[in-house]
């Protein structure tokens, strides 16, 4: 059973339809849940479907870029195996430890690239497209400018190189992060005690909503993707009552154009004073 499970994830990259089903299934699940127990009232420009259409446009581009990078990921993971290069081989890790090293290393890469995009002005120009959404819901999760998506892929590949993560570890993390992204962005209201308890280990919905608050310093907190340990250990954890949360940006990008696809694509390349 264990061997079959590892083999399933080892070859999951070769089954794009199954991976797409996980993504779409997660989106649909939390789409339904956020309709039943919404956290905040949404004020869409036109309606929820129009808003979703804009975000799905960026989601498709994100998936195309990462599908292209998948070739490099497979080749690199195989190279690490053949050369015995990376943390999992240097520590002669067993399967369980190998999964842990791979998952934690890749989750740290998600935290680190997120931090870097907030701190480096030229990279923030691309990442702010994600933050420009004034109605954060389950569809916001993969709303990334192509430049943002490419940088995430580069960091991901680098940390596969460092960790030596085999493909089963990579795909376990990829599955976790797809589900976590839908969960943390979904406009769902969990019992406060449950959300708080989850946030000690995982990124909870309320924890990530703080990151989408329109003003700093809240925007510059809670960078994690799956696990909250990086924010808690490295001093970027932040709290804010959900009643005070307002989405979007107080500067950098006009709120009224948060569903203008052409403007969103062009914005990182335009000169501005802020």
Protein backbone atom coordinates (compact mmCIF):
# COMPACT_ATOMS: atom_id res chain seq x y z
CA UNK A 1 0.00 0.00 0.00
CA UNK A 2 2.78 2.42 0.99
CA UNK A 3 4.79 1.56 -2.12
CA UNK A 4 1.72 2.08 -4.30
CA UNK A 5 1.11 5.49 -2.73
CA UNK A 6 4.71 6.57 -3.37
CA UNK A 7 4.51 5.31 -6.95
CA UNK A 8 1.27 7.24 -7.42
CA UNK A 9 2.93 10.53 -6.47
CA UNK A 10 6.19 9.62 -8.23
CA UNK A 11 4.33 9.51 -11.56
CA UNK A 12 1.65 12.13 -10.86
CA UNK A 13 3.51 14.69 -12.98
CA UNK A 14 2.80 12.44 -15.98
CA UNK A 15 -0.98 12.65 -15.42
CA UNK A 16 -1.93 16.30 -16.05
CA UNK A 17 -5.65 15.56 -16.12
CA UNK A 18 -5.52 14.11 -12.62
CA UNK A 19 -3.57 17.12 -11.39
CA UNK A 20 -6.09 19.42 -13.02
CA UNK A 21 -8.91 17.50 -11.34
CA UNK A 22 -7.30 18.12 -7.94
CA UNK A 23 -7.04 21.84 -8.70
CA UNK A 24 -10.56 22.21 -10.05
CA UNK A 25 -12.01 19.97 -7.35
CA UNK A 26 -10.43 22.09 -4.63
CA UNK A 27 -11.69 25.30 -6.20
CA UNK A 28 -15.22 23.97 -6.55
CA UNK A 29 -15.28 22.58 -3.00
CA UNK A 30 -14.26 25.87 -1.40
CA UNK A 31 -16.40 27.86 -3.86
CA UNK A 32 -19.42 25.99 -2.44
CA UNK A 33 -18.26 26.34 1.17
CA UNK A 34 -17.59 30.07 0.91
CA UNK A 35 -21.09 30.50 -0.50
CA UNK A 36 -22.51 28.74 2.55
CA UNK A 37 -20.38 30.32 5.30
CA UNK A 38 -18.85 33.55 3.94
CA UNK A 39 -16.35 35.46 6.04
CA UNK A 40 -16.85 38.92 4.53
CA UNK A 41 -19.44 40.39 2.14
CA UNK A 42 -18.03 40.66 -1.38
CA UNK A 43 -18.69 43.69 -3.59
CA UNK A 44 -17.83 42.48 -7.08
CA UNK A 45 -17.58 44.96 -9.98
CA UNK A 46 -20.29 43.05 -11.83
CA UNK A 47 -20.74 39.58 -10.34
CA UNK A 48 -18.82 36.65 -8.92
CA UNK A 49 -18.52 34.86 -12.27
CA UNK A 50 -16.99 37.92 -13.96
CA UNK A 51 -14.51 38.23 -11.09
CA UNK A 52 -13.69 34.52 -11.34
CA UNK A 53 -13.15 34.82 -15.10
CA UNK A 54 -10.45 37.47 -14.61
CA UNK A 55 -8.66 35.37 -12.00
CA UNK A 56 -8.96 32.17 -14.05
CA UNK A 57 -7.24 33.96 -16.94
CA UNK A 58 -4.19 34.45 -14.75
CA UNK A 59 -4.56 30.92 -13.35
CA UNK A 60 -4.34 29.42 -16.85
CA UNK A 61 -1.18 31.41 -17.61
CA UNK A 62 0.30 30.33 -14.27
CA UNK A 63 -0.40 26.68 -15.07
CA UNK A 64 1.08 26.95 -18.58
CA UNK A 65 4.31 28.42 -17.19
CA UNK A 66 4.62 25.78 -14.48
CA UNK A 67 3.78 22.99 -16.92
CA UNK A 68 6.72 24.16 -19.02
CA UNK A 69 8.98 24.28 -15.97
CA UNK A 70 7.85 20.77 -15.01
CA UNK A 71 10.24 19.34 -17.63
CA UNK A 72 13.16 20.97 -15.82
CA UNK A 73 11.84 19.81 -12.45
CA UNK A 74 11.71 16.16 -13.55
CA UNK A 75 15.17 16.33 -15.11
CA UNK A 76 16.66 18.01 -12.03
CA UNK A 77 15.05 15.57 -9.60
CA UNK A 78 16.36 12.63 -11.65
CA UNK A 79 19.83 14.21 -11.81
CA UNK A 80 19.90 14.61 -8.01
CA UNK A 81 18.96 10.93 -7.67
CA UNK A 82 21.70 9.74 -10.03
CA UNK A 83 24.36 12.01 -8.52
CA UNK A 84 23.24 11.57 -4.91
CA UNK A 85 23.08 15.35 -4.63
CA UNK A 86 20.96 17.18 -2.09
CA UNK A 87 20.00 17.05 1.58
CA UNK A 88 18.00 13.83 1.33
CA UNK A 89 21.05 11.97 -0.02
CA UNK A 90 23.65 13.65 2.19
CA UNK A 91 21.65 12.62 5.27
CA UNK A 92 20.91 9.18 3.80
CA UNK A 93 17.26 9.85 4.67
CA UNK A 94 14.60 7.14 4.72
CA UNK A 95 11.33 7.63 2.83
CA UNK A 96 9.50 9.46 5.64
CA UNK A 97 12.38 11.86 6.29
CA UNK A 98 12.83 12.34 2.54
CA UNK A 99 9.20 13.43 2.23
CA UNK A 100 9.59 15.78 5.21
CA UNK A 101 12.79 17.35 3.86
CA UNK A 102 11.30 17.80 0.40
CA UNK A 103 7.98 19.21 1.61
CA UNK A 104 9.56 21.57 4.15
CA UNK A 105 12.26 22.76 1.75
CA UNK A 106 9.73 23.52 -0.98
CA UNK A 107 7.40 25.20 1.48
CA UNK A 108 10.29 27.35 2.67
CA UNK A 109 10.95 28.27 -0.96
CA UNK A 110 7.33 29.45 -1.20
CA UNK A 111 7.78 31.57 1.93
CA UNK A 112 11.12 32.98 0.78
CA UNK A 113 10.12 33.92 -2.76
CA UNK A 114 7.00 35.58 -1.34
CA UNK A 115 9.11 37.62 1.09
CA UNK A 116 11.55 38.59 -1.67
CA UNK A 117 8.73 39.77 -3.95
CA UNK A 118 7.46 42.06 -1.21
CA UNK A 119 10.89 43.49 -0.38
CA UNK A 120 12.40 44.01 -3.86
CA UNK A 121 10.59 46.91 -5.61
CA UNK A 122 10.99 45.63 -9.17
CA UNK A 123 9.57 42.23 -8.15
CA UNK A 124 6.79 43.80 -6.10
CA UNK A 125 5.53 45.41 -9.33
CA UNK A 126 4.64 41.91 -10.55
CA UNK A 127 3.40 40.49 -7.27
CA UNK A 128 1.10 43.40 -6.47
CA UNK A 129 -1.25 42.11 -9.19
CA UNK A 130 -2.14 39.35 -6.74
CA UNK A 131 -2.79 41.89 -3.99
CA UNK A 132 -4.79 44.23 -6.21
CA UNK A 133 -7.85 41.97 -5.95
CA UNK A 134 -10.39 43.87 -3.85
CA UNK A 135 -12.56 40.77 -3.42
CA UNK A 136 -10.41 37.93 -2.13
CA UNK A 137 -12.07 34.57 -2.62
CA UNK A 138 -11.08 31.06 -3.65
CA UNK A 139 -10.31 32.22 -7.23
CA UNK A 140 -7.71 34.74 -6.00
CA UNK A 141 -5.25 32.00 -5.05
CA UNK A 142 -3.58 31.64 -8.46
CA UNK A 143 -4.07 35.23 -9.62
CA UNK A 144 -0.39 35.81 -10.44
CA UNK A 145 1.20 37.94 -13.13
CA UNK A 146 3.32 35.77 -15.48
CA UNK A 147 6.47 37.41 -14.11
CA UNK A 148 5.40 36.43 -10.60
CA UNK A 149 4.72 32.85 -11.70
CA UNK A 150 8.11 32.56 -13.39
CA UNK A 151 9.99 33.75 -10.32
CA UNK A 152 8.11 31.27 -8.13
CA UNK A 153 9.14 28.51 -10.51
CA UNK A 154 12.80 29.54 -10.37
CA UNK A 155 12.85 29.44 -6.56
CA UNK A 156 11.01 26.10 -6.61
CA UNK A 157 13.60 24.57 -8.93
CA UNK A 158 16.49 25.94 -6.84
CA UNK A 159 15.14 24.34 -3.66
CA UNK A 160 14.64 21.00 -5.42
CA UNK A 161 18.33 21.26 -6.28
CA UNK A 162 19.30 22.02 -2.67
CA UNK A 163 17.03 19.40 -1.08
CA UNK A 164 17.44 16.71 -3.73
CA UNK A 165 13.69 16.07 -3.40
CA UNK A 166 12.57 13.06 -5.48
CA UNK A 167 9.45 13.44 -7.60
CA UNK A 168 7.13 11.76 -5.10
CA UNK A 169 8.12 14.36 -2.49
CA UNK A 170 7.74 17.19 -5.02
CA UNK A 171 4.27 16.05 -6.07
CA UNK A 172 3.11 15.52 -2.50
CA UNK A 173 4.01 19.14 -1.83
CA UNK A 174 2.43 20.32 -5.08
CA UNK A 175 -0.82 18.61 -4.07
CA UNK A 176 -0.70 20.12 -0.59
CA UNK A 177 -0.04 23.63 -1.86
CA UNK A 178 -2.86 23.50 -4.43
CA UNK A 179 -5.36 22.55 -1.73
CA UNK A 180 -3.88 25.00 0.80
CA UNK A 181 -4.02 27.88 -1.71
CA UNK A 182 -7.72 27.33 -2.32
CA UNK A 183 -8.38 26.93 1.41
CA UNK A 184 -6.48 30.00 2.61
CA UNK A 185 -7.92 32.36 -0.01
CA UNK A 186 -11.51 31.11 0.21
CA UNK A 187 -13.95 33.57 1.76
CA UNK A 188 -14.94 31.15 4.51
CA UNK A 189 -15.76 31.79 8.14
CA UNK A 190 -14.32 29.16 10.47
CA UNK A 191 -14.95 29.17 14.23
CA UNK A 192 -12.32 31.50 15.68
CA UNK A 193 -10.86 28.85 18.00
CA UNK A 194 -10.53 26.37 15.13
CA UNK A 195 -8.87 28.93 12.86
CA UNK A 196 -6.46 29.92 15.65
CA UNK A 197 -5.61 26.30 16.43
CA UNK A 198 -4.91 25.57 12.77
CA UNK A 199 -2.66 28.63 12.50
CA UNK A 200 -0.12 27.16 14.91
CA UNK A 201 0.84 24.63 12.24
CA UNK A 202 -0.88 25.56 8.98
CA UNK A 203 -1.70 28.81 7.23
CA UNK A 204 -5.34 29.34 8.21
CA UNK A 205 -7.89 31.38 6.21
CA UNK A 206 -7.95 34.23 8.74
CA UNK A 207 -4.17 34.26 8.98
CA UNK A 208 -3.78 34.68 5.24
CA UNK A 209 -6.53 37.30 5.01
CA UNK A 210 -4.32 39.53 7.18
CA UNK A 211 -1.71 39.34 4.41
CA UNK A 212 -4.29 40.66 1.94
CA UNK A 213 -5.20 43.69 4.07
CA UNK A 214 -4.80 46.82 1.98
CA UNK A 215 -2.29 48.59 4.22
CA UNK A 216 1.20 47.87 5.42
CA UNK A 217 2.56 46.56 7.70
CA UNK A 218 -0.16 43.89 7.53
CA UNK A 219 0.51 43.26 3.83
CA UNK A 220 4.08 42.39 4.80
CA UNK A 221 3.16 39.55 7.18
CA UNK A 222 2.09 35.91 6.91
CA UNK A 223 3.96 34.95 3.75
CA UNK A 224 3.57 31.18 4.20
CA UNK A 225 1.89 28.86 1.71
CA UNK A 226 1.15 25.64 3.64
CA UNK A 227 2.89 25.77 7.03
CA UNK A 228 2.90 28.72 9.43
CA UNK A 229 6.22 27.77 11.08
CA UNK A 230 8.31 30.06 8.85
CA UNK A 231 6.31 33.17 9.74
CA UNK A 232 6.31 32.30 13.41
CA UNK A 233 10.02 31.44 13.56
CA UNK A 234 11.27 34.25 11.33
CA UNK A 235 9.27 37.14 12.74
CA UNK A 236 6.76 37.74 9.95
CA UNK A 237 3.65 36.50 11.75
CA UNK A 238 0.85 39.05 12.09
CA UNK A 239 -2.67 39.29 13.51
CA UNK A 240 -5.66 41.46 12.69
CA UNK A 241 -9.33 41.15 13.55
CA UNK A 242 -11.18 40.00 10.45
CA UNK A 243 -13.73 42.76 11.00
CA UNK A 244 -10.99 45.30 10.24
CA UNK A 245 -9.77 43.68 7.02
CA UNK A 246 -10.13 45.57 3.78
CA UNK A 247 -8.76 44.02 0.60
CA UNK A 248 -6.74 45.58 -2.19
CA UNK A 249 -3.94 48.16 -2.01
CA UNK A 250 -3.92 51.65 -0.56
CA UNK A 251 -1.45 52.69 -3.29
CA UNK A 252 0.48 51.29 -6.26
CA UNK A 253 -2.61 50.18 -8.21
CA UNK A 254 -6.08 51.75 -8.69
CA UNK A 255 -8.79 49.67 -7.02
CA UNK A 256 -11.31 50.37 -9.79
CA UNK A 257 -9.11 48.52 -12.29
CA UNK A 258 -8.69 45.30 -10.30
CA UNK A 259 -10.64 43.36 -12.96
CA UNK A 260 -9.02 45.04 -15.98
CA UNK A 261 -6.88 42.23 -17.44
CA UNK A 262 -4.93 44.41 -19.89
CA UNK A 263 -4.13 46.98 -17.22
CA UNK A 264 -3.03 44.24 -14.81
CA UNK A 265 -0.70 42.71 -17.41
CA UNK A 266 0.84 46.05 -18.40
CA UNK A 267 1.13 47.61 -14.96
CA UNK A 268 4.52 46.14 -13.88
CA UNK A 269 6.16 47.72 -16.95
CA UNK A 270 4.71 51.19 -16.60
CA UNK A 271 6.55 54.10 -14.99
CA UNK A 272 5.04 55.59 -11.88
CA UNK A 273 5.96 57.79 -8.98
CA UNK A 274 5.08 55.39 -6.14
